[in-house]
Amino acid sequence: MIYGENWWGWESWHGYCPGHCYTSCTDSAINDNWMHPNICNSEPARAWESPISGVVRVVGRARKVPGAGTGGGDGVVATIWKNGTLLWSRTIAYNDDVGYSYDLSISMSPGDRIYFRVNQRSNPNWDGTEFAPIIMVAGDRDSDGLDNFSEVIDYHTNPFEPDTDFDGLSDGTEVYDTHTDPLTPDHRDSDGDGLLDGTELHVTHTNPNNPDTDGDGVNDGAEVGQGSNPNNSDTDGDGVGDALDPTPLVPGVPGSWIEERLRQDAADVLGLNLGLMDAPNNNAAAGRRWALSQAFTTAANLFAQANREAVLNQFLIVRARLDGGSAPPDWMVDGPEKDAMLAEVDLMIYLLGLP
């Protein structure tokens, strides 16, 4: 306990003064956890001055210091006061290292003081007494979902720190949602995406049970690593999903990427099963598959020549063979492969319209 920190201080009470007289007392009579009367020829007193209006809760235990305070003497009297009003008093025997607990709710106004005093009785020897109260203001100081009283009394968490064990999960989340220990760091990564559950809940706001929150084909951890948004499948908004986009943070794609992709599309089409072609026989199916592949190859060559208009015309012809319209007839049977090729054509048409 540091003098002046969090409105704490220490003083002494002299019974020979008129009324209740508190004066400065050397801190040798009061340590972090214990107090010893008579050093100041008075009762040492911890003092807490209220900065607020409202109810505070005062909890703790008063007892003789085990070993060092139980070797003799005649015990002490521990008391708690609000200003000049006695609220609690216990006589603690010289050898009582168990003592008495206290739990008081006290209505306070700014400037009111609570004093914790130890009286030596008739013999000042062996009077070391543990008397280190905890004072809690009502409310949720750190906004973690646990009220101050529960943090200190029930869960032993820090009411000034929303994540006592610094594992990325707030104390309230651990108590009420994940049912984990708020005092022990929880390094779980439930979905295996490289992000701790706490990080997903409170930092990236992604789903700790789904490795790819935005469903773009790039897991959340990888997106965070490359700087893209794990909650947005197209971070730069250029129409190319993050999984495909070679520059997911910069709108548009390099021309070299478009040309390379077109040539890969041509190879992929040649690898399609002939049964996916809508044709009267295998020879016709092979011809239509080759024609679709050549359309992508031709588009790649035209794109390399910077002839975007010719590329666009090429794709419009291909699209007419995939769009389900009445004329000309489609060259592929309905199914996911046809849908994927149509989506690829539409993507290329979109990219050709970009600057």
Foldseek 3Di string as FASTA:
>chain_A
DDAPPQQKHKWFWDPVDPATDTHHDPCVQPDQFKGAPDPRDTWIKIKGFDQAFFKKKKKDFKAQDAPQQQPDAAFKKKWKDWQRHTDDIDTYGSRTRPGDIDIDIDGDHGGIMMIITIGRPPTRPSHIMGDNMDMGDFDQQCPLQDTPVCCVPPQNADSNHQQRCPQLRGPNCCVPPVVHRSNHRDQDQQCPLQDGPSCCVHPLVADSNHQQRCPLPRGPNVCVVVVARSNDQQRCPQLDGPVLAPCSVHHAHDLVSLLVVLLVVLVVLLVDDLLFWDDPDSVVSNVVSNVLSVLSNVLSVCVVVVNLVVSLVSLVVLLQQQVPDPPPHHTGDDDPVSVVVNVVSVSSNSNSPDD
